[in-house]
PDB file of N, CA and C in Angstrom:
ATOM      1  N   MET A   1      -4.725  17.780  -5.157  1.00  0.00           N
ATOM      2  CA  MET A   1      -6.034  17.196  -5.352  1.00  0.00           C
ATOM      3  C   MET A   1      -7.088  18.251  -5.061  1.00  0.00           C
ATOM      4  N   LYS A   2      -8.115  18.192  -5.820  1.00  0.00           N
ATOM      5  CA  LYS A   2      -9.160  19.204  -5.749  1.00  0.00           C
ATOM      6  C   LYS A   2      -9.902  19.210  -4.414  1.00  0.00           C
ATOM      7  N   HIS A   3     -10.157  18.035  -3.843  1.00  0.00           N
ATOM      8  CA  HIS A   3     -10.991  17.965  -2.646  1.00  0.00           C
ATOM      9  C   HIS A   3     -10.208  17.659  -1.366  1.00  0.00           C
ATOM     10  N   ASN A   4      -8.905  17.754  -1.409  1.00  0.00           N
ATOM     11  CA  ASN A   4      -8.062  17.571  -0.223  1.00  0.00           C
ATOM     12  C   ASN A   4      -8.351  16.275   0.526  1.00  0.00           C
ATOM     13  N   VAL A   5      -8.211  15.163  -0.138  1.00  0.00           N
ATOM     14  CA  VAL A   5      -8.384  13.861   0.481  1.00  0.00           C
ATOM     15  C   VAL A   5      -7.258  13.630   1.475  1.00  0.00           C
ATOM     16  N   ASP A   6      -7.592  13.156   2.657  1.00  0.00           N
ATOM     17  CA  ASP A   6      -6.590  12.869   3.677  1.00  0.00           C
ATOM     18  C   ASP A   6      -6.070  11.452   3.479  1.00  0.00           C
ATOM     19  N   LEU A   7      -4.921  11.318   2.827  1.00  0.00           N
ATOM     20  CA  LEU A   7      -4.341  10.006   2.548  1.00  0.00           C
ATOM     21  C   LEU A   7      -3.809   9.322   3.802  1.00  0.00           C
ATOM     22  N   ALA A   8      -3.648  10.088   4.873  1.00  0.00           N
ATOM     23  CA  ALA A   8      -3.155   9.528   6.126  1.00  0.00           C
ATOM     24  C   ALA A   8      -4.284   9.161   7.090  1.00  0.00           C
ATOM     25  N   ALA A   9      -5.535   9.324   6.674  1.00  0.00           N
ATOM     26  CA  ALA A   9      -6.671   8.978   7.538  1.00  0.00           C
ATOM     27  C   ALA A   9      -6.633   7.488   7.850  1.00  0.00           C
ATOM     28  N   LEU A  10      -7.048   7.134   9.057  1.00  0.00           N
ATOM     29  CA  LEU A  10      -7.024   5.739   9.485  1.00  0.00           C
ATOM     30  C   LEU A  10      -8.425   5.283   9.891  1.00  0.00           C
ATOM     31  N   ASP A  11      -8.764   4.044   9.537  1.00  0.00           N
ATOM     32  CA  ASP A  11     -10.026   3.471   9.991  1.00  0.00           C
ATOM     33  C   ASP A  11      -9.800   2.719  11.302  1.00  0.00           C
ATOM     34  N   PHE A  12     -10.788   1.975  11.757  1.00  0.00           N
ATOM     35  CA  PHE A  12     -10.680   1.288  13.039  1.00  0.00           C
ATOM     36  C   PHE A  12      -9.647   0.167  13.046  1.00  0.00           C
ATOM     37  N   LYS A  13      -9.200  -0.271  11.861  1.00  0.00           N
ATOM     38  CA  LYS A  13      -8.139  -1.276  11.763  1.00  0.00           C
ATOM     39  C   LYS A  13      -6.785  -0.641  11.456  1.00  0.00           C
ATOM     40  N   GLN A  14      -6.723   0.684  11.559  1.00  0.00           N
ATOM     41  CA  GLN A  14      -5.513   1.457  11.280  1.00  0.00           C
ATOM     42  C   GLN A  14      -5.095   1.351   9.818  1.00  0.00           C
ATOM     43  N   ARG A  15      -6.054   1.226   8.928  1.00  0.00           N
ATOM     44  CA  ARG A  15      -5.781   1.160   7.489  1.00  0.00           C
ATOM     45  C   ARG A  15      -6.037   2.518   6.847  1.00  0.00           C
ATOM     46  N   THR A  16      -5.200   2.861   5.880  1.00  0.00           N
ATOM     47  CA  THR A  16      -5.350   4.116   5.151  1.00  0.00           C
ATOM     48  C   THR A  16      -6.266   3.907   3.941  1.00  0.00           C
ATOM     49  N   PRO A  17      -6.779   4.991   3.360  1.00  0.00           N
ATOM     50  CA  PRO A  17      -7.627   4.849   2.162  1.00  0.00           C
ATOM     51  C   PRO A  17      -6.931   4.133   1.001  1.00  0.00           C
ATOM     52  N   LEU A  18      -5.638   4.371   0.816  1.00  0.00           N
ATOM     53  CA  LEU A  18      -4.927   3.737  -0.297  1.00  0.00           C
ATOM     54  C   LEU A  18      -4.829   2.232  -0.113  1.00  0.00           C
ATOM     55  N   ARG A  19      -4.831   1.790   1.112  1.00  0.00           N
ATOM     56  CA  ARG A  19      -4.778   0.345   1.391  1.00  0.00           C
ATOM     57  C   ARG A  19      -5.989  -0.364   0.780  1.00  0.00           C
ATOM     58  N   TYR A  20      -7.128   0.284   0.794  1.00  0.00           N
ATOM     59  CA  TYR A  20      -8.348  -0.339   0.280  1.00  0.00           C
ATOM     60  C   TYR A  20      -8.336  -0.511  -1.235  1.00  0.00           C
ATOM     61  N   LEU A  21      -7.465   0.190  -1.927  1.00  0.00           N
ATOM     62  CA  LEU A  21      -7.330  -0.025  -3.367  1.00  0.00           C
ATOM     63  C   LEU A  21      -6.841  -1.436  -3.684  1.00  0.00           C
ATOM     64  N   TYR A  22      -6.092  -2.025  -2.749  1.00  0.00           N
ATOM     65  CA  TYR A  22      -5.444  -3.305  -3.007  1.00  0.00           C
ATOM     66  C   TYR A  22      -6.055  -4.485  -2.254  1.00  0.00           C
ATOM     67  N   LEU A  23      -7.156  -4.265  -1.578  1.00  0.00           N
ATOM     68  CA  LEU A  23      -7.853  -5.379  -0.951  1.00  0.00           C
ATOM     69  C   LEU A  23      -8.698  -6.082  -1.998  1.00  0.00           C
ATOM     70  N   LYS A  24      -8.836  -7.380  -1.884  1.00  0.00           N
ATOM     71  CA  LYS A  24      -9.666  -8.147  -2.818  1.00  0.00           C
ATOM     72  C   LYS A  24     -11.102  -7.647  -2.746  1.00  0.00           C
ATOM     73  N   LYS A  25     -11.673  -7.379  -3.890  1.00  0.00           N
ATOM     74  CA  LYS A  25     -13.055  -6.906  -3.944  1.00  0.00           C
ATOM     75  C   LYS A  25     -14.047  -8.061  -3.849  1.00  0.00           C
ATOM     76  N   ASN A  26     -13.751  -9.133  -4.559  1.00  0.00           N
ATOM     77  CA  ASN A  26     -14.655 -10.278  -4.584  1.00  0.00           C
ATOM     78  C   ASN A  26     -13.805 -11.535  -4.511  1.00  0.00           C
ATOM     79  N   LYS A  27     -13.818 -12.174  -3.393  1.00  0.00           N
ATOM     80  CA  LYS A  27     -12.934 -13.313  -3.172  1.00  0.00           C
ATOM     81  C   LYS A  27     -13.344 -14.555  -3.967  1.00  0.00           C
ATOM     82  N   SER A  28     -14.499 -14.544  -4.600  1.00  0.00           N
ATOM     83  CA  SER A  28     -14.908 -15.717  -5.364  1.00  0.00           C
ATOM     84  C   SER A  28     -14.231 -15.775  -6.740  1.00  0.00           C
ATOM     85  N   PHE A  29     -13.633 -14.667  -7.172  1.00  0.00           N
ATOM     86  CA  PHE A  29     -12.926 -14.637  -8.450  1.00  0.00           C
ATOM     87  C   PHE A  29     -11.428 -14.739  -8.216  1.00  0.00           C
ATOM     88  N   GLU A  30     -10.721 -15.326  -9.159  1.00  0.00           N
ATOM     89  CA  GLU A  30      -9.267 -15.425  -9.049  1.00  0.00           C
ATOM     90  C   GLU A  30      -8.583 -14.092  -9.298  1.00  0.00           C
ATOM     91  N   PHE A  31      -9.221 -13.218 -10.035  1.00  0.00           N
ATOM     92  CA  PHE A  31      -8.616 -11.937 -10.348  1.00  0.00           C
ATOM     93  C   PHE A  31      -9.680 -10.851 -10.306  1.00  0.00           C
ATOM     94  N   ASP A  32      -9.234  -9.622 -10.190  1.00  0.00           N
ATOM     95  CA  ASP A  32     -10.129  -8.474 -10.193  1.00  0.00           C
ATOM     96  C   ASP A  32     -10.041  -7.790 -11.552  1.00  0.00           C
ATOM     97  N   PHE A  33     -11.111  -7.162 -11.965  1.00  0.00           N
ATOM     98  CA  PHE A  33     -11.105  -6.397 -13.203  1.00  0.00           C
ATOM     99  C   PHE A  33     -10.701  -4.948 -12.945  1.00  0.00           C
ATOM    100  N   PHE A  34     -10.425  -4.635 -11.718  1.00  0.00           N
ATOM    101  CA  PHE A  34     -10.080  -3.296 -11.284  1.00  0.00           C
ATOM    102  C   PHE A  34      -8.563  -3.184 -11.143  1.00  0.00           C
ATOM    103  N   GLU A  35      -7.969  -2.204 -11.777  1.00  0.00           N
ATOM    104  CA  GLU A  35      -6.526  -1.986 -11.674  1.00  0.00           C
ATOM    105  C   GLU A  35      -6.277  -0.778 -10.774  1.00  0.00           C
ATOM    106  N   PRO A  36      -5.844  -1.022  -9.550  1.00  0.00           N
ATOM    107  CA  PRO A  36      -5.703   0.071  -8.586  1.00  0.00           C
ATOM    108  C   PRO A  36      -4.534   1.020  -8.842  1.00  0.00           C
ATOM    109  N   LEU A  37      -3.543   0.602  -9.616  1.00  0.00           N
ATOM    110  CA  LEU A  37      -2.373   1.449  -9.824  1.00  0.00           C
ATOM    111  C   LEU A  37      -2.734   2.782 -10.463  1.00  0.00           C
ATOM    112  N   GLN A  38      -3.648   2.776 -11.405  1.00  0.00           N
ATOM    113  CA  GLN A  38      -4.021   4.033 -12.063  1.00  0.00           C
ATOM    114  C   GLN A  38      -4.646   5.015 -11.071  1.00  0.00           C
ATOM    115  N   THR A  39      -5.501   4.499 -10.186  1.00  0.00           N
ATOM    116  CA  THR A  39      -6.105   5.352  -9.164  1.00  0.00           C
ATOM    117  C   THR A  39      -5.041   5.836  -8.183  1.00  0.00           C
ATOM    118  N   LEU A  40      -4.121   4.951  -7.808  1.00  0.00           N
ATOM    119  CA  LEU A  40      -3.044   5.329  -6.900  1.00  0.00           C
ATOM    120  C   LEU A  40      -2.223   6.472  -7.485  1.00  0.00           C
ATOM    121  N   LYS A  41      -1.925   6.406  -8.779  1.00  0.00           N
ATOM    122  CA  LYS A  41      -1.119   7.445  -9.417  1.00  0.00           C
ATOM    123  C   LYS A  41      -1.831   8.795  -9.449  1.00  0.00           C
ATOM    124  N   ILE A  42      -3.147   8.779  -9.452  1.00  0.00           N
ATOM    125  CA  ILE A  42      -3.914  10.029  -9.399  1.00  0.00           C
ATOM    126  C   ILE A  42      -3.857  10.618  -7.990  1.00  0.00           C
ATOM    127  N   LEU A  43      -3.994   9.756  -6.991  1.00  0.00           N
ATOM    128  CA  LEU A  43      -4.044  10.216  -5.607  1.00  0.00           C
ATOM    129  C   LEU A  43      -2.679  10.475  -4.994  1.00  0.00           C
ATOM    130  N   LEU A  44      -1.709   9.626  -5.311  1.00  0.00           N
ATOM    131  CA  LEU A  44      -0.382   9.720  -4.712  1.00  0.00           C
ATOM    132  C   LEU A  44       0.606  10.237  -5.749  1.00  0.00           C
ATOM    133  N   THR A  45       0.910  11.494  -5.649  1.00  0.00           N
ATOM    134  CA  THR A  45       1.804  12.175  -6.583  1.00  0.00           C
ATOM    135  C   THR A  45       3.002  12.718  -5.806  1.00  0.00           C
ATOM    136  N   PRO A  46       4.009  13.239  -6.492  1.00  0.00           N
ATOM    137  CA  PRO A  46       5.115  13.851  -5.749  1.00  0.00           C
ATOM    138  C   PRO A  46       4.637  14.953  -4.788  1.00  0.00           C
ATOM    139  N   ALA A  47       3.562  15.637  -5.136  1.00  0.00           N
ATOM    140  CA  ALA A  47       3.042  16.698  -4.271  1.00  0.00           C
ATOM    141  C   ALA A  47       2.325  16.166  -3.034  1.00  0.00           C
ATOM    142  N   THR A  48       1.739  14.964  -3.122  1.00  0.00           N
ATOM    143  CA  THR A  48       0.983  14.421  -1.992  1.00  0.00           C
ATOM    144  C   THR A  48       1.720  13.312  -1.252  1.00  0.00           C
ATOM    145  N   ALA A  49       2.857  12.869  -1.765  1.00  0.00           N
ATOM    146  CA  ALA A  49       3.572  11.731  -1.184  1.00  0.00           C
ATOM    147  C   ALA A  49       3.980  11.963   0.268  1.00  0.00           C
ATOM    148  N   GLN A  50       4.266  13.200   0.627  1.00  0.00           N
ATOM    149  CA  GLN A  50       4.694  13.479   1.998  1.00  0.00           C
ATOM    150  C   GLN A  50       3.584  13.257   3.023  1.00  0.00           C
ATOM    151  N   SER A  51       2.332  13.213   2.578  1.00  0.00           N
ATOM    152  CA  SER A  51       1.220  13.029   3.514  1.00  0.00           C
ATOM    153  C   SER A  51       0.867  11.561   3.741  1.00  0.00           C
ATOM    154  N   PHE A  52       1.584  10.647   3.092  1.00  0.00           N
ATOM    155  CA  PHE A  52       1.283   9.227   3.204  1.00  0.00           C
ATOM    156  C   PHE A  52       2.556   8.445   3.486  1.00  0.00           C
ATOM    157  N   SER A  53       2.498   7.533   4.443  1.00  0.00           N
ATOM    158  CA  SER A  53       3.647   6.680   4.738  1.00  0.00           C
ATOM    159  C   SER A  53       3.330   5.241   4.344  1.00  0.00           C
ATOM    160  N   PRO A  54       4.036   4.682   3.359  1.00  0.00           N
ATOM    161  CA  PRO A  54       3.800   3.292   2.986  1.00  0.00           C
ATOM    162  C   PRO A  54       4.281   2.304   4.052  1.00  0.00           C
ATOM    163  N   ASN A  55       4.998   2.802   5.056  1.00  0.00           N
ATOM    164  CA  ASN A  55       5.531   1.944   6.114  1.00  0.00           C
ATOM    165  C   ASN A  55       4.627   1.858   7.341  1.00  0.00           C
ATOM    166  N   LEU A  56       3.559   2.629   7.371  1.00  0.00           N
ATOM    167  CA  LEU A  56       2.647   2.629   8.509  1.00  0.00           C
ATOM    168  C   LEU A  56       1.993   1.260   8.659  1.00  0.00           C
ATOM    169  N   GLN A  57       1.993   0.736   9.886  1.00  0.00           N
ATOM    170  CA  GLN A  57       1.457  -0.597  10.133  1.00  0.00           C
ATOM    171  C   GLN A  57       0.026  -0.527  10.673  1.00  0.00           C
ATOM    172  N   ASP A  58      -0.788  -1.507  10.254  1.00  0.00           N
ATOM    173  CA  ASP A  58      -2.156  -1.598  10.757  1.00  0.00           C
ATOM    174  C   ASP A  58      -2.175  -2.394  12.061  1.00  0.00           C
ATOM    175  N   ILE A  59      -3.361  -2.766  12.546  1.00  0.00           N
ATOM    176  CA  ILE A  59      -3.447  -3.448  13.841  1.00  0.00           C
ATOM    177  C   ILE A  59      -2.846  -4.853  13.822  1.00  0.00           C
ATOM    178  N   SER A  60      -2.625  -5.412  12.629  1.00  0.00           N
ATOM    179  CA  SER A  60      -1.971  -6.719  12.541  1.00  0.00           C
ATOM    180  C   SER A  60      -0.483  -6.595  12.200  1.00  0.00           C
ATOM    181  N   GLY A  61      -0.002  -5.353  12.147  1.00  0.00           N
ATOM    182  CA  GLY A  61       1.408  -5.117  11.874  1.00  0.00           C
ATOM    183  C   GLY A  61       1.761  -5.069  10.404  1.00  0.00           C
ATOM    184  N   LYS A  62       0.756  -5.213   9.540  1.00  0.00           N
ATOM    185  CA  LYS A  62       1.026  -5.187   8.099  1.00  0.00           C
ATOM    186  C   LYS A  62       1.085  -3.734   7.605  1.00  0.00           C
ATOM    187  N   SER A  63       2.086  -3.478   6.799  1.00  0.00           N
ATOM    188  CA  SER A  63       2.193  -2.166   6.163  1.00  0.00           C
ATOM    189  C   SER A  63       1.575  -2.246   4.759  1.00  0.00           C
ATOM    190  N   PHE A  64       1.488  -1.105   4.115  1.00  0.00           N
ATOM    191  CA  PHE A  64       1.010  -1.050   2.729  1.00  0.00           C
ATOM    192  C   PHE A  64       1.892  -1.937   1.847  1.00  0.00           C
ATOM    193  N   LEU A  65       3.171  -2.011   2.167  1.00  0.00           N
ATOM    194  CA  LEU A  65       4.100  -2.831   1.394  1.00  0.00           C
ATOM    195  C   LEU A  65       3.782  -4.317   1.531  1.00  0.00           C
ATOM    196  N   HIS A  66       3.364  -4.756   2.709  1.00  0.00           N
ATOM    197  CA  HIS A  66       2.955  -6.155   2.899  1.00  0.00           C
ATOM    198  C   HIS A  66       1.764  -6.487   1.994  1.00  0.00           C
ATOM    199  N   VAL A  67       0.816  -5.577   1.919  1.00  0.00           N
ATOM    200  CA  VAL A  67      -0.377  -5.797   1.081  1.00  0.00           C
ATOM    201  C   VAL A  67       0.016  -5.863  -0.388  1.00  0.00           C
ATOM    202  N   LEU A  68       0.899  -4.968  -0.817  1.00  0.00           N
ATOM    203  CA  LEU A  68       1.350  -4.980  -2.211  1.00  0.00           C
ATOM    204  C   LEU A  68       2.065  -6.286  -2.544  1.00  0.00           C
ATOM    205  N   ALA A  69       2.888  -6.754  -1.625  1.00  0.00           N
ATOM    206  CA  ALA A  69       3.601  -8.017  -1.837  1.00  0.00           C
ATOM    207  C   ALA A  69       2.616  -9.179  -1.931  1.00  0.00           C
ATOM    208  N   GLN A  70       1.613  -9.171  -1.074  1.00  0.00           N
ATOM    209  CA  GLN A  70       0.609 -10.237  -1.081  1.00  0.00           C
ATOM    210  C   GLN A  70      -0.169 -10.265  -2.397  1.00  0.00           C
ATOM    211  N   ARG A  71      -0.436  -9.100  -2.961  1.00  0.00           N
ATOM    212  CA  ARG A  71      -1.174  -9.002  -4.220  1.00  0.00           C
ATOM    213  C   ARG A  71      -0.279  -9.154  -5.445  1.00  0.00           C
ATOM    214  N   GLY A  72       1.035  -9.134  -5.248  1.00  0.00           N
ATOM    215  CA  GLY A  72       1.943  -9.206  -6.397  1.00  0.00           C
ATOM    216  C   GLY A  72       1.955  -7.928  -7.205  1.00  0.00           C
ATOM    217  N   ALA A  73       1.778  -6.814  -6.541  1.00  0.00           N
ATOM    218  CA  ALA A  73       1.670  -5.512  -7.204  1.00  0.00           C
ATOM    219  C   ALA A  73       3.052  -4.885  -7.395  1.00  0.00           C
ATOM    220  N   TRP A  74       3.865  -5.499  -8.244  1.00  0.00           N
ATOM    221  CA  TRP A  74       5.250  -5.061  -8.416  1.00  0.00           C
ATOM    222  C   TRP A  74       5.359  -3.721  -9.118  1.00  0.00           C
ATOM    223  N   GLU A  75       4.439  -3.421 -10.011  1.00  0.00           N
ATOM    224  CA  GLU A  75       4.463  -2.112 -10.682  1.00  0.00           C
ATOM    225  C   GLU A  75       4.210  -0.992  -9.674  1.00  0.00           C
ATOM    226  N   THR A  76       3.392  -1.290  -8.682  1.00  0.00           N
ATOM    227  CA  THR A  76       3.144  -0.296  -7.642  1.00  0.00           C
ATOM    228  C   THR A  76       4.398  -0.095  -6.794  1.00  0.00           C
ATOM    229  N   PHE A  77       5.117  -1.172  -6.489  1.00  0.00           N
ATOM    230  CA  PHE A  77       6.394  -1.047  -5.784  1.00  0.00           C
ATOM    231  C   PHE A  77       7.329  -0.133  -6.563  1.00  0.00           C
ATOM    232  N   GLU A  78       7.419  -0.347  -7.859  1.00  0.00           N
ATOM    233  CA  GLU A  78       8.295   0.490  -8.692  1.00  0.00           C
ATOM    234  C   GLU A  78       7.875   1.955  -8.628  1.00  0.00           C
ATOM    235  N   TYR A  79       6.570   2.200  -8.646  1.00  0.00           N
ATOM    236  CA  TYR A  79       6.071   3.571  -8.554  1.00  0.00           C
ATOM    237  C   TYR A  79       6.437   4.189  -7.197  1.00  0.00           C
ATOM    238  N   LEU A  80       6.285   3.418  -6.121  1.00  0.00           N
ATOM    239  CA  LEU A  80       6.635   3.936  -4.794  1.00  0.00           C
ATOM    240  C   LEU A  80       8.125   4.230  -4.687  1.00  0.00           C
ATOM    241  N   ILE A  81       8.957   3.433  -5.337  1.00  0.00           N
ATOM    242  CA  ILE A  81      10.401   3.695  -5.333  1.00  0.00           C
ATOM    243  C   ILE A  81      10.693   5.024  -6.024  1.00  0.00           C
ATOM    244  N   THR A  82       9.980   5.327  -7.108  1.00  0.00           N
ATOM    245  CA  THR A  82      10.195   6.613  -7.778  1.00  0.00           C
ATOM    246  C   THR A  82       9.759   7.777  -6.898  1.00  0.00           C
ATOM    247  N   LEU A  83       8.736   7.571  -6.072  1.00  0.00           N
ATOM    248  CA  LEU A  83       8.254   8.655  -5.205  1.00  0.00           C
ATOM    249  C   LEU A  83       9.105   8.829  -3.947  1.00  0.00           C
ATOM    250  N   TYR A  84       9.435   7.713  -3.301  1.00  0.00           N
ATOM    251  CA  TYR A  84      10.081   7.767  -1.993  1.00  0.00           C
ATOM    252  C   TYR A  84      11.570   7.418  -2.013  1.00  0.00           C
ATOM    253  N   GLY A  85      12.010   6.693  -3.016  1.00  0.00           N
ATOM    254  CA  GLY A  85      13.371   6.174  -3.034  1.00  0.00           C
ATOM    255  C   GLY A  85      13.419   4.847  -2.307  1.00  0.00           C
ATOM    256  N   LYS A  86      14.276   3.965  -2.742  1.00  0.00           N
ATOM    257  CA  LYS A  86      14.297   2.610  -2.179  1.00  0.00           C
ATOM    258  C   LYS A  86      14.704   2.584  -0.715  1.00  0.00           C
ATOM    259  N   ASP A  87      15.464   3.553  -0.255  1.00  0.00           N
ATOM    260  CA  ASP A  87      15.907   3.557   1.135  1.00  0.00           C
ATOM    261  C   ASP A  87      14.792   3.926   2.114  1.00  0.00           C
ATOM    262  N   GLU A  88      13.750   4.579   1.639  1.00  0.00           N
ATOM    263  CA  GLU A  88      12.635   4.983   2.509  1.00  0.00           C
ATOM    264  C   GLU A  88      11.603   3.883   2.707  1.00  0.00           C
ATOM    265  N   LEU A  89      11.601   2.885   1.840  1.00  0.00           N
ATOM    266  CA  LEU A  89      10.630   1.792   1.944  1.00  0.00           C
ATOM    267  C   LEU A  89      11.208   0.698   2.833  1.00  0.00           C
ATOM    268  N   LYS A  90      10.528   0.406   3.937  1.00  0.00           N
ATOM    269  CA  LYS A  90      11.025  -0.562   4.916  1.00  0.00           C
ATOM    270  C   LYS A  90      10.583  -1.976   4.540  1.00  0.00           C
ATOM    271  N   VAL A  91      11.308  -2.587   3.622  1.00  0.00           N
ATOM    272  CA  VAL A  91      10.941  -3.928   3.162  1.00  0.00           C
ATOM    273  C   VAL A  91      11.316  -5.010   4.171  1.00  0.00           C
ATOM    274  N   ASN A  92      12.138  -4.680   5.157  1.00  0.00           N
ATOM    275  CA  ASN A  92      12.491  -5.647   6.200  1.00  0.00           C
ATOM    276  C   ASN A  92      11.625  -5.513   7.448  1.00  0.00           C
ATOM    277  N   GLN A  93      10.661  -4.611   7.404  1.00  0.00           N
ATOM    278  CA  GLN A  93       9.741  -4.443   8.527  1.00  0.00           C
ATOM    279  C   GLN A  93       8.870  -5.686   8.659  1.00  0.00           C
ATOM    280  N   THR A  94       8.709  -6.183   9.878  1.00  0.00           N
ATOM    281  CA  THR A  94       7.916  -7.398  10.076  1.00  0.00           C
ATOM    282  C   THR A  94       6.516  -7.068  10.559  1.00  0.00           C
ATOM    283  N   ASP A  95       5.564  -7.925  10.191  1.00  0.00           N
ATOM    284  CA  ASP A  95       4.228  -7.822  10.766  1.00  0.00           C
ATOM    285  C   ASP A  95       4.243  -8.531  12.113  1.00  0.00           C
ATOM    286  N   TYR A  96       3.098  -8.631  12.773  1.00  0.00           N
ATOM    287  CA  TYR A  96       3.072  -9.190  14.126  1.00  0.00           C
ATOM    288  C   TYR A  96       3.254 -10.703  14.169  1.00  0.00           C
ATOM    289  N   THR A  97       3.265 -11.355  13.006  1.00  0.00           N
ATOM    290  CA  THR A  97       3.574 -12.782  12.978  1.00  0.00           C
ATOM    291  C   THR A  97       5.011 -13.028  12.542  1.00  0.00           C
ATOM    292  N   GLY A  98       5.770 -11.935  12.337  1.00  0.00           N
ATOM    293  CA  GLY A  98       7.196 -12.052  12.020  1.00  0.00           C
ATOM    294  C   GLY A  98       7.512 -12.083  10.540  1.00  0.00           C
ATOM    295  N   ASN A  99       6.524 -11.867   9.673  1.00  0.00           N
ATOM    296  CA  ASN A  99       6.751 -11.905   8.231  1.00  0.00           C
ATOM    297  C   ASN A  99       7.227 -10.549   7.694  1.00  0.00           C
ATOM    298  N   THR A 100       8.324 -10.582   6.951  1.00  0.00           N
ATOM    299  CA  THR A 100       8.775  -9.382   6.245  1.00  0.00           C
ATOM    300  C   THR A 100       7.999  -9.284   4.936  1.00  0.00           C
ATOM    301  N   VAL A 101       8.193  -8.176   4.257  1.00  0.00           N
ATOM    302  CA  VAL A 101       7.547  -7.975   2.956  1.00  0.00           C
ATOM    303  C   VAL A 101       7.989  -9.075   1.985  1.00  0.00           C
ATOM    304  N   LEU A 102       9.267  -9.396   1.981  1.00  0.00           N
ATOM    305  CA  LEU A 102       9.774 -10.444   1.108  1.00  0.00           C
ATOM    306  C   LEU A 102       9.141 -11.794   1.438  1.00  0.00           C
ATOM    307  N   ALA A 103       9.008 -12.107   2.707  1.00  0.00           N
ATOM    308  CA  ALA A 103       8.392 -13.382   3.107  1.00  0.00           C
ATOM    309  C   ALA A 103       6.943 -13.469   2.625  1.00  0.00           C
ATOM    310  N   VAL A 104       6.241 -12.386   2.672  1.00  0.00           N
ATOM    311  CA  VAL A 104       4.848 -12.365   2.194  1.00  0.00           C
ATOM    312  C   VAL A 104       4.814 -12.560   0.688  1.00  0.00           C
ATOM    313  N   ALA A 105       5.781 -11.985  -0.009  1.00  0.00           N
ATOM    314  CA  ALA A 105       5.827 -12.093  -1.473  1.00  0.00           C
ATOM    315  C   ALA A 105       6.055 -13.521  -1.938  1.00  0.00           C
ATOM    316  N   ILE A 106       6.800 -14.269  -1.171  1.00  0.00           N
ATOM    317  CA  ILE A 106       7.121 -15.647  -1.537  1.00  0.00           C
ATOM    318  C   ILE A 106       5.954 -16.511  -1.158  1.00  0.00           C
TER     319      ILE A 106
END
């Protein structure tokens, strides 16, 4: 990346910049007109993947994978599998209320 964005930077809720791609922008609409996967593919490449952990948990114990499951972002899951491999993604990791990624998806 041209400007050396720190993909591992954390805010006060322990969220990374990529996490904000998948947060609801306007809760009054049922869907967003913004497709975050294209932006993710620009920022998270094989060259930058080592600087970001999709398993990192925020202050509520949710990982990036929990957010993707909540949004139904299955294409993003597929992209992460190509970058990290399925064994590196902790889909059985629980948040602080005991929900796994699969439980959130359902």
